[in-house]
PDB file of N, CA and C in Angstrom:
ATOM      1  N   UNK A   1      17.834 -12.148 -13.844  1.00  0.00           N
ATOM      2  CA  UNK A   1      19.026 -11.390 -13.545  1.00  0.00           C
ATOM      3  C   UNK A   1      19.786 -11.018 -14.809  1.00  0.00           C
ATOM      4  N   UNK A   2      19.586 -11.792 -15.858  1.00  0.00           N
ATOM      5  CA  UNK A   2      20.256 -11.499 -17.124  1.00  0.00           C
ATOM      6  C   UNK A   2      19.792 -10.155 -17.673  1.00  0.00           C
ATOM      7  N   UNK A   3      18.500  -9.853 -17.489  1.00  0.00           N
ATOM      8  CA  UNK A   3      17.961  -8.583 -17.964  1.00  0.00           C
ATOM      9  C   UNK A   3      18.624  -7.407 -17.256  1.00  0.00           C
ATOM     10  N   UNK A   4      18.809  -7.531 -15.942  1.00  0.00           N
ATOM     11  CA  UNK A   4      19.428  -6.451 -15.182  1.00  0.00           C
ATOM     12  C   UNK A   4      20.886  -6.249 -15.581  1.00  0.00           C
ATOM     13  N   UNK A   5      21.587  -7.325 -15.828  1.00  0.00           N
ATOM     14  CA  UNK A   5      22.984  -7.221 -16.265  1.00  0.00           C
ATOM     15  C   UNK A   5      23.059  -6.563 -17.640  1.00  0.00           C
ATOM     16  N   UNK A   6      22.163  -6.942 -18.511  1.00  0.00           N
ATOM     17  CA  UNK A   6      22.149  -6.354 -19.849  1.00  0.00           C
ATOM     18  C   UNK A   6      21.770  -4.875 -19.796  1.00  0.00           C
ATOM     19  N   UNK A   7      20.818  -4.532 -18.942  1.00  0.00           N
ATOM     20  CA  UNK A   7      20.433  -3.128 -18.771  1.00  0.00           C
ATOM     21  C   UNK A   7      21.602  -2.308 -18.239  1.00  0.00           C
ATOM     22  N   UNK A   8      22.316  -2.859 -17.256  1.00  0.00           N
ATOM     23  CA  UNK A   8      23.468  -2.161 -16.689  1.00  0.00           C
ATOM     24  C   UNK A   8      24.548  -1.947 -17.751  1.00  0.00           C
ATOM     25  N   UNK A   9      24.820  -2.964 -18.564  1.00  0.00           N
ATOM     26  CA  UNK A   9      25.814  -2.828 -19.630  1.00  0.00           C
ATOM     27  C   UNK A   9      25.392  -1.774 -20.645  1.00  0.00           C
ATOM     28  N   UNK A  10      24.102  -1.741 -20.980  1.00  0.00           N
ATOM     29  CA  UNK A  10      23.596  -0.746 -21.920  1.00  0.00           C
ATOM     30  C   UNK A  10      23.784   0.667 -21.370  1.00  0.00           C
ATOM     31  N   UNK A  11      23.413   0.857 -20.102  1.00  0.00           N
ATOM     32  CA  UNK A  11      23.534   2.181 -19.494  1.00  0.00           C
ATOM     33  C   UNK A  11      24.994   2.612 -19.401  1.00  0.00           C
ATOM     34  N   UNK A  12      25.872   1.684 -19.070  1.00  0.00           N
ATOM     35  CA  UNK A  12      27.283   2.009 -18.933  1.00  0.00           C
ATOM     36  C   UNK A  12      27.914   2.294 -20.296  1.00  0.00           C
ATOM     37  N   UNK A  13      27.569   1.501 -21.286  1.00  0.00           N
ATOM     38  CA  UNK A  13      28.162   1.653 -22.618  1.00  0.00           C
ATOM     39  C   UNK A  13      27.699   2.941 -23.293  1.00  0.00           C
ATOM     40  N   UNK A  14      26.432   3.264 -23.157  1.00  0.00           N
ATOM     41  CA  UNK A  14      25.881   4.470 -23.795  1.00  0.00           C
ATOM     42  C   UNK A  14      26.043   5.728 -22.946  1.00  0.00           C
ATOM     43  N   UNK A  15      26.666   5.584 -21.772  1.00  0.00           N
ATOM     44  CA  UNK A  15      26.884   6.685 -20.838  1.00  0.00           C
ATOM     45  C   UNK A  15      25.566   7.354 -20.440  1.00  0.00           C
ATOM     46  N   UNK A  16      24.585   6.521 -20.149  1.00  0.00           N
ATOM     47  CA  UNK A  16      23.259   6.987 -19.736  1.00  0.00           C
ATOM     48  C   UNK A  16      23.019   6.665 -18.264  1.00  0.00           C
ATOM     49  N   UNK A  17      24.032   6.818 -17.438  1.00  0.00           N
ATOM     50  CA  UNK A  17      23.902   6.472 -16.030  1.00  0.00           C
ATOM     51  C   UNK A  17      22.921   7.384 -15.300  1.00  0.00           C
ATOM     52  N   UNK A  18      22.589   8.523 -15.888  1.00  0.00           N
ATOM     53  CA  UNK A  18      21.608   9.411 -15.265  1.00  0.00           C
ATOM     54  C   UNK A  18      20.218   8.782 -15.287  1.00  0.00           C
ATOM     55  N   UNK A  19      19.998   7.767 -16.113  1.00  0.00           N
ATOM     56  CA  UNK A  19      18.709   7.087 -16.152  1.00  0.00           C
ATOM     57  C   UNK A  19      18.512   6.121 -14.983  1.00  0.00           C
ATOM     58  N   UNK A  20      19.591   5.739 -14.338  1.00  0.00           N
ATOM     59  CA  UNK A  20      19.507   4.774 -13.244  1.00  0.00           C
ATOM     60  C   UNK A  20      18.609   5.251 -12.101  1.00  0.00           C
ATOM     61  N   UNK A  21      18.730   6.495 -11.605  1.00  0.00           N
ATOM     62  CA  UNK A  21      17.808   6.936 -10.548  1.00  0.00           C
ATOM     63  C   UNK A  21      16.349   6.969 -10.999  1.00  0.00           C
ATOM     64  N   UNK A  22      16.112   7.312 -12.246  1.00  0.00           N
ATOM     65  CA  UNK A  22      14.744   7.347 -12.774  1.00  0.00           C
ATOM     66  C   UNK A  22      14.154   5.941 -12.782  1.00  0.00           C
ATOM     67  N   UNK A  23      14.931   4.978 -13.235  1.00  0.00           N
ATOM     68  CA  UNK A  23      14.471   3.588 -13.265  1.00  0.00           C
ATOM     69  C   UNK A  23      14.210   3.075 -11.859  1.00  0.00           C
ATOM     70  N   UNK A  24      15.081   3.422 -10.920  1.00  0.00           N
ATOM     71  CA  UNK A  24      14.913   2.968  -9.536  1.00  0.00           C
ATOM     72  C   UNK A  24      13.648   3.542  -8.911  1.00  0.00           C
ATOM     73  N   UNK A  25      13.368   4.817  -9.141  1.00  0.00           N
ATOM     74  CA  UNK A  25      12.160   5.433  -8.580  1.00  0.00           C
ATOM     75  C   UNK A  25      10.915   4.801  -9.177  1.00  0.00           C
ATOM     76  N   UNK A  26      10.909   4.574 -10.478  1.00  0.00           N
ATOM     77  CA  UNK A  26       9.762   3.926 -11.107  1.00  0.00           C
ATOM     78  C   UNK A  26       9.553   2.513 -10.574  1.00  0.00           C
ATOM     79  N   UNK A  27      10.637   1.802 -10.359  1.00  0.00           N
ATOM     80  CA  UNK A  27      10.545   0.459  -9.808  1.00  0.00           C
ATOM     81  C   UNK A  27       9.987   0.477  -8.386  1.00  0.00           C
ATOM     82  N   UNK A  28      10.449   1.413  -7.570  1.00  0.00           N
ATOM     83  CA  UNK A  28       9.952   1.518  -6.197  1.00  0.00           C
ATOM     84  C   UNK A  28       8.477   1.879  -6.163  1.00  0.00           C
ATOM     85  N   UNK A  29       8.046   2.775  -7.044  1.00  0.00           N
ATOM     86  CA  UNK A  29       6.629   3.129  -7.106  1.00  0.00           C
ATOM     87  C   UNK A  29       5.784   1.937  -7.540  1.00  0.00           C
ATOM     88  N   UNK A  30       6.280   1.168  -8.495  1.00  0.00           N
ATOM     89  CA  UNK A  30       5.550  -0.011  -8.949  1.00  0.00           C
ATOM     90  C   UNK A  30       5.437  -1.040  -7.835  1.00  0.00           C
ATOM     91  N   UNK A  31       6.523  -1.255  -7.103  1.00  0.00           N
ATOM     92  CA  UNK A  31       6.481  -2.195  -5.989  1.00  0.00           C
ATOM     93  C   UNK A  31       5.549  -1.716  -4.891  1.00  0.00           C
ATOM     94  N   UNK A  32       5.535  -0.430  -4.629  1.00  0.00           N
ATOM     95  CA  UNK A  32       4.639   0.129  -3.622  1.00  0.00           C
ATOM     96  C   UNK A  32       3.185  -0.108  -4.001  1.00  0.00           C
ATOM     97  N   UNK A  33       2.847   0.117  -5.240  1.00  0.00           N
ATOM     98  CA  UNK A  33       1.470  -0.082  -5.693  1.00  0.00           C
ATOM     99  C   UNK A  33       1.091  -1.561  -5.619  1.00  0.00           C
ATOM    100  N   UNK A  34       2.006  -2.442  -5.991  1.00  0.00           N
ATOM    101  CA  UNK A  34       1.707  -3.881  -5.962  1.00  0.00           C
ATOM    102  C   UNK A  34       1.510  -4.376  -4.539  1.00  0.00           C
ATOM    103  N   UNK A  35       2.370  -3.961  -3.621  1.00  0.00           N
ATOM    104  CA  UNK A  35       2.286  -4.459  -2.253  1.00  0.00           C
ATOM    105  C   UNK A  35       1.131  -3.861  -1.462  1.00  0.00           C
ATOM    106  N   UNK A  36       0.703  -2.654  -1.803  1.00  0.00           N
ATOM    107  CA  UNK A  36      -0.354  -1.986  -1.043  1.00  0.00           C
ATOM    108  C   UNK A  36      -1.721  -2.216  -1.688  1.00  0.00           C
ATOM    109  N   UNK A  37      -1.769  -2.888  -2.794  1.00  0.00           N
ATOM    110  CA  UNK A  37      -2.990  -3.055  -3.568  1.00  0.00           C
ATOM    111  C   UNK A  37      -4.136  -3.637  -2.755  1.00  0.00           C
ATOM    112  N   UNK A  38      -3.880  -4.614  -1.939  1.00  0.00           N
ATOM    113  CA  UNK A  38      -4.956  -5.281  -1.215  1.00  0.00           C
ATOM    114  C   UNK A  38      -5.186  -4.757   0.188  1.00  0.00           C
ATOM    115  N   UNK A  39      -4.461  -3.742   0.596  1.00  0.00           N
ATOM    116  CA  UNK A  39      -4.576  -3.292   1.983  1.00  0.00           C
ATOM    117  C   UNK A  39      -5.500  -2.086   2.096  1.00  0.00           C
ATOM    118  N   UNK A  40      -5.688  -1.639   3.313  1.00  0.00           N
ATOM    119  CA  UNK A  40      -6.544  -0.486   3.582  1.00  0.00           C
ATOM    120  C   UNK A  40      -5.869   0.827   3.190  1.00  0.00           C
ATOM    121  N   UNK A  41      -4.581   0.790   2.918  1.00  0.00           N
ATOM    122  CA  UNK A  41      -3.856   2.005   2.532  1.00  0.00           C
ATOM    123  C   UNK A  41      -3.993   2.341   1.052  1.00  0.00           C
ATOM    124  N   UNK A  42      -4.568   1.451   0.278  1.00  0.00           N
ATOM    125  CA  UNK A  42      -4.656   1.645  -1.165  1.00  0.00           C
ATOM    126  C   UNK A  42      -5.317   2.964  -1.565  1.00  0.00           C
ATOM    127  N   UNK A  43      -6.457   3.372  -0.976  1.00  0.00           N
ATOM    128  CA  UNK A  43      -7.046   4.654  -1.391  1.00  0.00           C
ATOM    129  C   UNK A  43      -6.130   5.849  -1.135  1.00  0.00           C
ATOM    130  N   UNK A  44      -5.327   5.780  -0.096  1.00  0.00           N
ATOM    131  CA  UNK A  44      -4.422   6.889   0.212  1.00  0.00           C
ATOM    132  C   UNK A  44      -3.247   6.943  -0.757  1.00  0.00           C
ATOM    133  N   UNK A  45      -2.755   5.784  -1.161  1.00  0.00           N
ATOM    134  CA  UNK A  45      -1.649   5.743  -2.126  1.00  0.00           C
ATOM    135  C   UNK A  45      -2.125   6.256  -3.478  1.00  0.00           C
ATOM    136  N   UNK A  46      -3.308   5.859  -3.914  1.00  0.00           N
ATOM    137  CA  UNK A  46      -3.796   6.278  -5.220  1.00  0.00           C
ATOM    138  C   UNK A  46      -4.153   7.754  -5.237  1.00  0.00           C
ATOM    139  N   UNK A  47      -4.505   8.316  -4.084  1.00  0.00           N
ATOM    140  CA  UNK A  47      -4.801   9.755  -4.050  1.00  0.00           C
ATOM    141  C   UNK A  47      -3.546  10.602  -4.185  1.00  0.00           C
ATOM    142  N   UNK A  48      -2.397  10.027  -3.852  1.00  0.00           N
ATOM    143  CA  UNK A  48      -1.125  10.760  -3.995  1.00  0.00           C
ATOM    144  C   UNK A  48      -0.812  10.978  -5.467  1.00  0.00           C
ATOM    145  N   UNK A  49      -1.164  10.006  -6.307  1.00  0.00           N
ATOM    146  CA  UNK A  49      -0.866  10.108  -7.723  1.00  0.00           C
ATOM    147  C   UNK A  49      -2.027  10.690  -8.468  1.00  0.00           C
TER     148      UNK A  49
END
């Protein structure tokens, strides 16, 4: 959690809040790939990218 707090402070201090949606989308895509890796949906997810 310390990393997330430090990242938030960096974004707020440098006025780079526009990066927050980009980071969130990348995180969601990474979680999707990790959770679907072992299932039957994996070939369909990888074909999207």
